[in-house]
Amino acid sequence: MTNRDRLLGLAVVVLWGLNFLAIHVGLDHFPPFFFAGLRFAVIAIPVLLFVPRPRVPWKWLLLYGIGFGILQFAFLFTAMRAGMPTGLSSLVLQSSAPFTVLLGAVFLRERLRGIQLAGIAVAMAGMAVIGWDRSHHAALLPLVLTLLGGLAWAFGNIGSRLAAASSEQVNPLHLTLWMAVVPPIPMFVLSALTEGPATGWNDLIDSCSATGWPAYAALAYIVALGTIAGSGLWTYLMSRYPAGTVAPLSLAVPVVGIAASWAFLHETPSALSLFGAVIVIAGAFTATSAGRRVRVPEAALDTPAPIRPAEPTRRSELDPNFVEA
């Protein structure tokens, strides 16, 4: 990965780490499914009107939108509303990294090495430590829901990579924006069925007050910085490098998330949870940094292979500083 792309990855880390604070504030004002639908609806309306749809197969766009947009945030927001600490949420959600490696091996035929399997086992052991600690101090269900959110994010990663690899002309930002078109209607339907048809809308109206402005500030941050900027850069990186190369970047998000929640929300994680966090990050880093750079096979895309010139055309192939993962 080039130095420039590493800096872009660092920007994603900061944006997504602080994003958990914004989610915490938003969930203080809105029910989870409604809030998830609202964050994507704010993006989807102008996208449908002004942004051309990327020329990618609908199946990969839907996989991206369902995994990353619907399931991830449905599980995560529900977990946080049910009591999952903000900082710990930012950590457990990074289970998406080893999940991405496993799914990349299954669907993208990215080679798995023994050290990667060992890293995944270590990460799972770290999650077990956190789960054991949580079972003695709080409900275990929020932890399980957050893990499911990490698995959903991994499926979204695979969808975005397959979509980006299906054409040489995919604009990563357009792909991210069109992903946001998928979640709103399903999330609003789910909200109406489980939270009440008028609950979220009443909360939205109630937030138009002197004390409700934090809800809109949180929504603005999540939409502009957490989703458009953060996810756009993430999709860009996923389109240039193997899933196992990009995934380790997300492992630094908990560092920002836990530090921010400690500083602003006064959440103090237990020593055992911090120990488990170190194990998770170490194992997941090992699992996701030992891969090798491979192209998505044409069979996985299920589309005709485009005609490519003989000489390298990708920047990563021309850059002398590019290092194989």
Protein backbone atom coordinates (compact mmCIF):
# COMPACT_ATOMS: atom_id res chain seq x y z
CA MET A 1 0.00 0.00 0.00
CA THR A 2 1.37 3.44 -0.92
CA ASN A 3 2.11 6.07 1.74
CA ARG A 4 -0.67 8.26 0.36
CA ASP A 5 -3.21 5.46 0.74
CA ARG A 6 -1.99 4.74 4.27
CA LEU A 7 -2.74 8.37 5.15
CA LEU A 8 -6.20 8.00 3.63
CA GLY A 9 -6.67 4.88 5.76
CA LEU A 10 -5.63 6.85 8.85
CA ALA A 11 -8.24 9.49 8.01
CA VAL A 12 -10.89 6.75 7.87
CA VAL A 13 -9.74 5.50 11.28
CA VAL A 14 -10.24 8.91 12.90
CA LEU A 15 -13.58 9.59 11.17
CA TRP A 16 -15.00 6.19 12.09
CA GLY A 17 -13.62 6.24 15.63
CA LEU A 18 -15.37 9.54 16.39
CA ASN A 19 -18.44 8.31 14.53
CA PHE A 20 -19.31 6.12 17.53
CA LEU A 21 -19.72 9.23 19.68
CA ALA A 22 -22.14 10.64 17.11
CA ILE A 23 -24.07 7.36 17.07
CA HIS A 24 -24.30 7.46 20.87
CA VAL A 25 -25.75 10.99 20.75
CA GLY A 26 -28.18 10.11 17.95
CA LEU A 27 -29.51 7.06 19.78
CA ASP A 28 -30.30 9.27 22.77
CA HIS A 29 -32.90 10.99 20.55
CA PHE A 30 -34.07 8.41 17.97
CA PRO A 31 -34.99 4.70 18.02
CA PRO A 32 -32.28 2.57 16.36
CA PHE A 33 -33.98 1.34 13.17
CA PHE A 34 -35.46 4.74 12.44
CA PHE A 35 -32.11 6.43 13.04
CA ALA A 36 -30.38 3.99 10.68
CA GLY A 37 -32.98 4.63 7.98
CA LEU A 38 -32.77 8.39 8.50
CA ARG A 39 -29.00 8.56 8.12
CA PHE A 40 -29.17 6.83 4.74
CA ALA A 41 -32.33 8.60 3.55
CA VAL A 42 -30.60 11.97 3.90
CA ILE A 43 -27.98 10.70 1.45
CA ALA A 44 -30.23 8.64 -0.83
CA ILE A 45 -32.61 11.43 -1.92
CA PRO A 46 -29.98 13.72 -3.53
CA VAL A 47 -28.11 10.68 -4.86
CA LEU A 48 -31.16 9.47 -6.79
CA LEU A 49 -31.60 12.94 -8.27
CA PHE A 50 -28.05 13.98 -9.09
CA VAL A 51 -25.56 11.09 -8.99
CA PRO A 52 -25.33 8.67 -11.92
CA ARG A 53 -25.57 5.02 -10.93
CA PRO A 54 -22.23 3.22 -11.24
CA ARG A 55 -22.22 0.58 -13.95
CA VAL A 56 -21.95 -2.42 -11.66
CA PRO A 57 -24.19 -5.48 -11.38
CA TRP A 58 -27.17 -4.88 -9.09
CA LYS A 59 -26.43 -8.08 -7.16
CA TRP A 60 -23.10 -6.71 -5.91
CA LEU A 61 -24.58 -3.30 -5.14
CA LEU A 62 -27.39 -4.96 -3.18
CA LEU A 63 -24.91 -7.18 -1.31
CA TYR A 64 -22.93 -4.07 -0.40
CA GLY A 65 -26.04 -2.16 0.69
CA ILE A 66 -27.65 -5.01 2.62
CA GLY A 67 -24.46 -6.05 4.43
CA PHE A 68 -22.85 -2.69 5.11
CA GLY A 69 -25.95 -0.51 5.21
CA ILE A 70 -28.88 -2.53 6.56
CA LEU A 71 -27.64 -5.43 8.66
CA GLN A 72 -24.52 -3.84 10.12
CA PHE A 73 -26.30 -0.79 11.50
CA ALA A 74 -29.48 -2.62 12.45
CA PHE A 75 -27.41 -4.90 14.69
CA LEU A 76 -25.02 -2.18 15.91
CA PHE A 77 -27.64 0.45 16.73
CA THR A 78 -29.82 -2.12 18.50
CA ALA A 79 -26.83 -3.33 20.52
CA MET A 80 -25.86 0.20 21.57
CA ARG A 81 -29.46 1.07 22.44
CA ALA A 82 -29.56 -2.14 24.54
CA GLY A 83 -26.55 -1.08 26.57
CA MET A 84 -23.41 -1.94 24.59
CA PRO A 85 -20.77 0.62 25.69
CA THR A 86 -19.71 3.00 22.91
CA GLY A 87 -15.99 2.30 23.18
CA LEU A 88 -16.45 -1.46 23.38
CA SER A 89 -18.78 -1.31 20.37
CA SER A 90 -16.01 0.28 18.30
CA LEU A 91 -13.78 -2.65 19.23
CA VAL A 92 -16.13 -5.60 18.79
CA LEU A 93 -17.36 -4.30 15.44
CA GLN A 94 -13.81 -4.74 14.15
CA SER A 95 -14.48 -8.47 14.15
CA SER A 96 -15.33 -7.58 10.56
CA ALA A 97 -11.59 -7.77 9.81
CA PRO A 98 -11.09 -11.53 10.36
CA PHE A 99 -14.60 -12.14 9.02
CA THR A 100 -13.56 -10.30 5.83
CA VAL A 101 -10.47 -12.47 5.48
CA LEU A 102 -12.52 -15.66 5.78
CA LEU A 103 -15.16 -14.46 3.33
CA GLY A 104 -12.44 -13.23 0.96
CA ALA A 105 -10.98 -16.72 0.94
CA VAL A 106 -14.38 -18.28 0.22
CA PHE A 107 -15.80 -15.85 -2.34
CA LEU A 108 -12.74 -14.08 -3.80
CA ARG A 109 -10.35 -17.03 -3.64
CA GLU A 110 -7.79 -15.03 -1.72
CA ARG A 111 -5.25 -17.47 -0.33
CA LEU A 112 -5.38 -18.23 3.40
CA ARG A 113 -2.12 -19.05 5.13
CA GLY A 114 -1.57 -20.88 8.37
CA ILE A 115 -0.54 -17.70 10.19
CA GLN A 116 -3.82 -16.07 9.14
CA LEU A 117 -5.84 -18.96 10.55
CA ALA A 118 -3.82 -18.70 13.76
CA GLY A 119 -4.53 -14.95 13.91
CA ILE A 120 -8.26 -15.56 13.47
CA ALA A 121 -8.16 -18.11 16.32
CA VAL A 122 -6.39 -15.58 18.57
CA ALA A 123 -8.95 -12.87 17.70
CA MET A 124 -11.78 -15.27 18.53
CA ALA A 125 -10.09 -16.04 21.86
CA GLY A 126 -9.98 -12.30 22.60
CA MET A 127 -13.69 -12.01 21.83
CA ALA A 128 -14.32 -14.94 24.19
CA VAL A 129 -12.46 -13.08 26.96
CA ILE A 130 -14.60 -9.98 26.40
CA GLY A 131 -17.74 -12.10 26.28
CA TRP A 132 -16.84 -13.84 29.54
CA ASP A 133 -16.22 -10.47 31.19
CA ARG A 134 -19.49 -9.06 29.86
CA SER A 135 -21.44 -12.08 31.09
CA HIS A 136 -20.34 -11.27 34.64
CA HIS A 137 -21.13 -7.56 34.52
CA ALA A 138 -23.84 -6.99 31.91
CA ALA A 139 -26.13 -8.69 29.41
CA LEU A 140 -24.42 -10.76 26.74
CA LEU A 141 -26.98 -10.07 23.99
CA PRO A 142 -25.58 -6.61 23.02
CA LEU A 143 -22.17 -8.22 22.47
CA VAL A 144 -23.66 -10.91 20.22
CA LEU A 145 -25.58 -8.29 18.22
CA THR A 146 -22.38 -6.27 17.73
CA LEU A 147 -20.57 -9.39 16.49
CA LEU A 148 -23.37 -9.95 13.98
CA GLY A 149 -22.87 -6.35 12.89
CA GLY A 150 -19.20 -7.14 12.25
CA LEU A 151 -20.14 -10.17 10.15
CA ALA A 152 -22.59 -8.05 8.14
CA TRP A 153 -19.89 -5.44 7.54
CA ALA A 154 -17.63 -8.21 6.19
CA PHE A 155 -20.30 -9.23 3.66
CA GLY A 156 -20.59 -5.56 2.70
CA ASN A 157 -16.83 -5.43 2.16
CA ILE A 158 -17.04 -8.38 -0.21
CA GLY A 159 -19.93 -6.77 -2.08
CA SER A 160 -18.08 -3.49 -2.52
CA ARG A 161 -14.94 -5.26 -3.74
CA LEU A 162 -16.84 -7.38 -6.23
CA ALA A 163 -18.74 -4.33 -7.46
CA ALA A 164 -15.57 -2.28 -7.85
CA ALA A 165 -13.79 -5.13 -9.62
CA SER A 166 -16.62 -5.67 -12.10
CA SER A 167 -15.60 -2.62 -14.12
CA GLU A 168 -12.46 -0.55 -14.64
CA GLN A 169 -14.49 2.67 -14.61
CA VAL A 170 -16.20 2.45 -11.21
CA ASN A 171 -16.14 5.69 -9.23
CA PRO A 172 -15.64 4.64 -5.57
CA LEU A 173 -17.55 7.66 -4.24
CA HIS A 174 -20.50 7.01 -6.56
CA LEU A 175 -20.50 3.37 -5.48
CA THR A 176 -20.62 4.38 -1.81
CA LEU A 177 -23.38 6.92 -2.42
CA TRP A 178 -25.51 4.41 -4.31
CA MET A 179 -25.02 1.89 -1.53
CA ALA A 180 -26.94 4.38 0.62
CA VAL A 181 -29.98 4.03 -1.66
CA VAL A 182 -30.53 0.43 -0.52
CA PRO A 183 -31.16 0.74 3.28
CA PRO A 184 -33.77 3.54 3.82
CA ILE A 185 -37.05 1.82 2.85
CA PRO A 186 -36.25 -1.53 4.54
CA MET A 187 -35.10 0.27 7.69
CA PHE A 188 -38.18 2.51 7.86
CA VAL A 189 -40.43 -0.54 7.36
CA LEU A 190 -38.57 -2.38 10.11
CA SER A 191 -38.90 0.67 12.34
CA ALA A 192 -42.64 0.92 11.73
CA LEU A 193 -43.14 -2.77 12.55
CA THR A 194 -40.99 -2.90 15.69
CA GLU A 195 -40.75 0.66 17.04
CA GLY A 196 -44.14 1.99 16.02
CA PRO A 197 -45.15 3.78 12.80
CA ALA A 198 -45.03 7.27 14.35
CA THR A 199 -42.38 6.91 17.06
CA GLY A 200 -39.35 7.93 15.03
CA TRP A 201 -41.12 10.78 13.24
CA ASN A 202 -42.39 12.17 16.54
CA ASP A 203 -38.85 12.05 17.93
CA LEU A 204 -37.62 13.85 14.81
CA ILE A 205 -40.14 16.66 15.37
CA ASP A 206 -39.34 16.84 19.09
CA SER A 207 -35.66 17.32 18.24
CA CYS A 208 -36.50 20.66 16.58
CA SER A 209 -35.91 22.44 19.86
CA ALA A 210 -33.19 24.20 21.81
CA THR A 211 -32.26 20.93 23.51
CA GLY A 212 -32.57 18.77 20.40
CA TRP A 213 -29.79 20.27 18.30
CA PRO A 214 -27.24 17.57 19.30
CA ALA A 215 -29.39 15.03 17.44
CA TYR A 216 -29.04 16.96 14.19
CA ALA A 217 -25.35 17.62 14.79
CA ALA A 218 -24.82 13.89 15.27
CA LEU A 219 -26.82 13.11 12.13
CA ALA A 220 -24.79 15.65 10.12
CA TYR A 221 -21.50 14.14 11.29
CA ILE A 222 -22.60 10.57 10.54
CA VAL A 223 -23.87 11.48 7.06
CA ALA A 224 -21.13 13.84 5.88
CA LEU A 225 -18.03 12.47 7.58
CA GLY A 226 -18.83 8.98 8.82
CA THR A 227 -20.66 7.77 5.71
CA ILE A 228 -19.79 9.89 2.67
CA ALA A 229 -16.17 10.69 3.51
CA GLY A 230 -15.25 7.65 5.59
CA SER A 231 -17.06 5.00 3.56
CA GLY A 232 -16.05 6.65 0.29
CA LEU A 233 -12.37 6.43 1.19
CA TRP A 234 -12.85 2.87 2.46
CA THR A 235 -14.49 1.80 -0.80
CA TYR A 236 -11.67 3.46 -2.73
CA LEU A 237 -9.09 1.44 -0.79
CA MET A 238 -11.10 -1.79 -1.14
CA SER A 239 -11.17 -1.25 -4.90
CA ARG A 240 -7.36 -0.96 -5.10
CA TYR A 241 -6.17 -3.65 -2.73
CA PRO A 242 -7.16 -7.16 -1.58
CA ALA A 243 -9.67 -7.37 1.24
CA GLY A 244 -7.01 -8.84 3.53
CA THR A 245 -4.74 -5.83 2.95
CA VAL A 246 -7.32 -3.14 3.65
CA ALA A 247 -9.07 -4.82 6.59
CA PRO A 248 -6.21 -4.25 9.11
CA LEU A 249 -6.77 -0.50 8.86
CA SER A 250 -10.08 -0.84 10.65
CA LEU A 251 -8.32 -2.36 13.68
CA ALA A 252 -7.12 1.11 14.73
CA VAL A 253 -10.71 2.41 14.92
CA PRO A 254 -11.24 1.07 18.47
CA VAL A 255 -8.20 3.00 19.68
CA VAL A 256 -9.94 6.24 18.68
CA GLY A 257 -13.38 5.01 19.74
CA ILE A 258 -12.36 3.82 23.21
CA ALA A 259 -10.22 6.91 23.85
CA ALA A 260 -13.02 9.27 22.74
CA SER A 261 -15.69 7.49 24.81
CA TRP A 262 -13.33 7.48 27.79
CA ALA A 263 -12.70 11.22 27.43
CA PHE A 264 -16.21 12.45 26.55
CA LEU A 265 -18.60 9.82 27.91
CA HIS A 266 -16.52 8.77 30.94
CA GLU A 267 -16.79 5.10 29.98
CA THR A 268 -14.09 3.16 31.82
CA PRO A 269 -13.61 -0.33 30.40
CA SER A 270 -12.64 -3.11 32.78
CA ALA A 271 -9.07 -4.36 32.85
CA LEU A 272 -10.20 -7.75 31.53
CA SER A 273 -12.04 -6.13 28.60
CA LEU A 274 -8.92 -4.11 27.74
CA PHE A 275 -6.86 -7.30 27.91
CA GLY A 276 -9.32 -8.99 25.57
CA ALA A 277 -9.16 -5.94 23.28
CA VAL A 278 -5.38 -6.28 22.96
CA ILE A 279 -5.77 -9.98 22.11
CA VAL A 280 -8.45 -9.22 19.50
CA ILE A 281 -6.41 -6.50 17.79
CA ALA A 282 -3.22 -8.59 17.81
CA GLY A 283 -4.98 -11.64 16.40
CA ALA A 284 -6.97 -9.74 13.80
CA PHE A 285 -3.88 -7.82 12.68
CA THR A 286 -2.02 -11.08 12.21
CA ALA A 287 -4.95 -12.59 10.32
CA THR A 288 -5.36 -9.66 7.96
CA SER A 289 -1.77 -8.60 7.32
CA ALA A 290 -0.29 -11.88 6.17
CA GLY A 291 -2.21 -12.16 2.92
CA ARG A 292 -0.93 -11.70 -0.60
CA ARG A 293 -2.14 -9.41 -3.33
CA VAL A 294 -4.50 -11.15 -5.75
CA ARG A 295 -7.03 -10.03 -8.27
CA VAL A 296 -10.69 -10.91 -7.96
CA PRO A 297 -11.16 -13.89 -10.29
CA GLU A 298 -13.46 -13.41 -13.26
CA ALA A 299 -15.45 -16.47 -12.18
CA ALA A 300 -16.39 -14.68 -8.96
CA LEU A 301 -17.66 -11.69 -10.90
CA ASP A 302 -19.72 -13.80 -13.30
CA THR A 303 -19.20 -11.14 -16.00
CA PRO A 304 -17.26 -11.18 -19.29
CA ALA A 305 -13.60 -10.32 -18.83
CA PRO A 306 -12.80 -6.80 -20.12
CA ILE A 307 -10.06 -6.36 -22.70
CA ARG A 308 -6.97 -5.05 -20.90
CA PRO A 309 -3.74 -3.71 -22.38
CA ALA A 310 -0.62 -5.78 -21.88
CA GLU A 311 1.25 -3.16 -19.85
CA PRO A 312 0.28 -2.34 -16.23
CA THR A 313 -2.25 0.44 -15.91
CA ARG A 314 -3.10 0.51 -12.22
CA ARG A 315 -1.28 3.09 -10.15
CA SER A 316 -0.42 0.45 -7.56
CA GLU A 317 1.43 -1.51 -10.27
CA LEU A 318 3.35 1.52 -11.52
CA ASP A 319 4.28 3.01 -8.14
CA PRO A 320 7.85 1.92 -7.19
CA ASN A 321 6.93 2.35 -3.51
CA PHE A 322 4.10 -0.18 -3.75
CA VAL A 323 4.77 -3.19 -1.51
CA GLU A 324 3.04 -6.51 -1.94
CA ALA A 325 1.06 -7.44 1.17
